[in-house]
Amino acid sequence: MLGTIIVSFVLICVVAFVIFSLVRKKRAGGGMCSCGCGSCPSSGGCTKKRG
């Protein structure tokens, strides 16, 4: 029982960290993926235009 609670807590922390880092990256002007967005047909909707 205690093992299940600990594993659940660790998984929730990992998911929360991933979501937090994605939101922070998005606010900083980055996209949701780590590759270049030059050839992506949806690049206009996921990144801020600079310049």
N, C-alpha and C. Protein backbone atom coordinates (compact mmCIF):
# COMPACT_ATOMS: atom_id res chain seq x y z
N MET A 1 0.83 -1.19 0.00
CA MET A 1 0.00 0.00 0.00
C MET A 1 0.87 1.25 0.00
N LEU A 2 1.87 1.29 0.85
CA LEU A 2 2.74 2.45 0.91
C LEU A 2 3.55 2.59 -0.37
N GLY A 3 3.95 1.48 -0.96
CA GLY A 3 4.69 1.51 -2.22
C GLY A 3 3.88 2.11 -3.34
N THR A 4 2.61 1.78 -3.40
CA THR A 4 1.71 2.34 -4.42
C THR A 4 1.58 3.84 -4.27
N ILE A 5 1.48 4.30 -3.05
CA ILE A 5 1.36 5.74 -2.80
C ILE A 5 2.64 6.46 -3.22
N ILE A 6 3.78 5.89 -2.89
CA ILE A 6 5.06 6.52 -3.24
C ILE A 6 5.24 6.58 -4.75
N VAL A 7 4.97 5.48 -5.44
CA VAL A 7 5.11 5.45 -6.90
C VAL A 7 4.14 6.43 -7.54
N SER A 8 2.92 6.50 -7.05
CA SER A 8 1.94 7.44 -7.59
C SER A 8 2.40 8.88 -7.39
N PHE A 9 2.94 9.18 -6.22
CA PHE A 9 3.44 10.52 -5.94
C PHE A 9 4.58 10.89 -6.87
N VAL A 10 5.50 9.96 -7.09
CA VAL A 10 6.64 10.22 -7.99
C VAL A 10 6.14 10.46 -9.41
N LEU A 11 5.20 9.66 -9.89
CA LEU A 11 4.66 9.84 -11.24
C LEU A 11 3.94 11.18 -11.38
N ILE A 12 3.19 11.56 -10.38
CA ILE A 12 2.50 12.85 -10.42
C ILE A 12 3.51 13.99 -10.47
N CYS A 13 4.59 13.87 -9.70
CA CYS A 13 5.63 14.91 -9.72
C CYS A 13 6.30 15.00 -11.09
N VAL A 14 6.58 13.88 -11.71
CA VAL A 14 7.21 13.88 -13.03
C VAL A 14 6.28 14.52 -14.07
N VAL A 15 5.03 14.16 -14.06
CA VAL A 15 4.07 14.73 -15.01
C VAL A 15 3.92 16.23 -14.78
N ALA A 16 3.86 16.64 -13.52
CA ALA A 16 3.74 18.07 -13.21
C ALA A 16 4.96 18.83 -13.70
N PHE A 17 6.16 18.25 -13.53
CA PHE A 17 7.38 18.91 -14.00
C PHE A 17 7.38 19.05 -15.51
N VAL A 18 6.96 18.02 -16.22
CA VAL A 18 6.92 18.07 -17.69
C VAL A 18 5.94 19.14 -18.15
N ILE A 19 4.76 19.19 -17.56
CA ILE A 19 3.77 20.19 -17.93
C ILE A 19 4.30 21.59 -17.63
N PHE A 20 4.91 21.76 -16.45
CA PHE A 20 5.46 23.06 -16.08
C PHE A 20 6.53 23.51 -17.05
N SER A 21 7.42 22.60 -17.44
CA SER A 21 8.49 22.99 -18.35
C SER A 21 7.95 23.31 -19.75
N LEU A 22 6.91 22.60 -20.21
CA LEU A 22 6.30 22.91 -21.50
C LEU A 22 5.64 24.28 -21.49
N VAL A 23 4.94 24.60 -20.41
CA VAL A 23 4.28 25.90 -20.30
C VAL A 23 5.32 27.00 -20.25
N ARG A 24 6.39 26.80 -19.49
CA ARG A 24 7.45 27.80 -19.39
C ARG A 24 8.13 28.02 -20.74
N LYS A 25 8.36 26.94 -21.46
CA LYS A 25 8.98 27.05 -22.78
C LYS A 25 8.06 27.77 -23.75
N LYS A 26 6.77 27.48 -23.68
CA LYS A 26 5.80 28.13 -24.55
C LYS A 26 5.73 29.63 -24.27
N ARG A 27 5.76 30.01 -22.99
CA ARG A 27 5.72 31.43 -22.64
C ARG A 27 6.98 32.16 -23.07
N ALA A 28 8.09 31.43 -23.13
CA ALA A 28 9.36 32.04 -23.54
C ALA A 28 9.45 32.18 -25.05
N GLY A 29 8.47 31.68 -25.78
CA GLY A 29 8.45 31.83 -27.22
C GLY A 29 8.88 30.59 -27.97
N GLY A 30 9.12 29.53 -27.28
CA GLY A 30 9.52 28.29 -27.95
C GLY A 30 8.31 27.48 -28.37
N GLY A 31 8.55 26.51 -29.21
CA GLY A 31 7.47 25.63 -29.64
C GLY A 31 7.33 24.46 -28.68
N MET A 32 6.43 23.59 -28.99
CA MET A 32 6.20 22.43 -28.14
C MET A 32 7.12 21.27 -28.49
N CYS A 33 7.77 21.34 -29.63
CA CYS A 33 8.68 20.27 -30.02
C CYS A 33 10.11 20.79 -29.97
N SER A 34 11.06 19.91 -30.07
CA SER A 34 12.46 20.32 -29.98
C SER A 34 13.11 20.47 -31.35
N CYS A 35 12.39 20.15 -32.41
CA CYS A 35 12.96 20.25 -33.75
C CYS A 35 12.65 21.61 -34.35
N GLY A 36 13.22 21.90 -35.50
CA GLY A 36 12.96 23.16 -36.18
C GLY A 36 11.54 23.20 -36.73
N CYS A 37 10.95 24.36 -36.75
CA CYS A 37 9.57 24.48 -37.20
C CYS A 37 9.45 25.00 -38.62
N GLY A 38 10.56 25.09 -39.33
CA GLY A 38 10.54 25.64 -40.68
C GLY A 38 9.70 24.83 -41.65
N SER A 39 9.68 23.52 -41.51
CA SER A 39 8.93 22.69 -42.43
C SER A 39 7.60 22.20 -41.86
N CYS A 40 7.26 22.65 -40.67
CA CYS A 40 6.02 22.21 -40.02
C CYS A 40 4.85 23.04 -40.55
N PRO A 41 3.77 22.39 -41.02
CA PRO A 41 2.63 23.16 -41.53
C PRO A 41 1.87 23.91 -40.44
N SER A 42 2.08 23.55 -39.19
CA SER A 42 1.36 24.22 -38.09
C SER A 42 2.25 25.20 -37.35
N SER A 43 3.39 25.57 -37.91
CA SER A 43 4.33 26.42 -37.19
C SER A 43 3.76 27.81 -36.86
N GLY A 44 2.85 28.29 -37.66
CA GLY A 44 2.27 29.60 -37.40
C GLY A 44 1.42 29.64 -36.16
N GLY A 45 0.88 28.51 -35.75
CA GLY A 45 0.01 28.49 -34.58
C GLY A 45 0.70 28.16 -33.28
N CYS A 46 1.95 27.70 -33.33
CA CYS A 46 2.57 27.27 -32.09
C CYS A 46 3.74 28.12 -31.66
N THR A 47 4.24 29.01 -32.49
CA THR A 47 5.37 29.85 -32.11
C THR A 47 5.04 31.30 -32.33
N LYS A 48 5.67 32.14 -31.54
CA LYS A 48 5.48 33.58 -31.69
C LYS A 48 6.35 34.06 -32.85
N LYS A 49 5.81 34.97 -33.61
CA LYS A 49 6.57 35.54 -34.71
C LYS A 49 7.54 36.57 -34.13
N ARG A 50 8.78 36.49 -34.54
CA ARG A 50 9.80 37.42 -34.06
C ARG A 50 10.24 38.30 -35.22
N GLY A 51 10.53 39.55 -34.87
CA GLY A 51 11.09 40.43 -35.87
C GLY A 51 10.14 41.29 -36.56
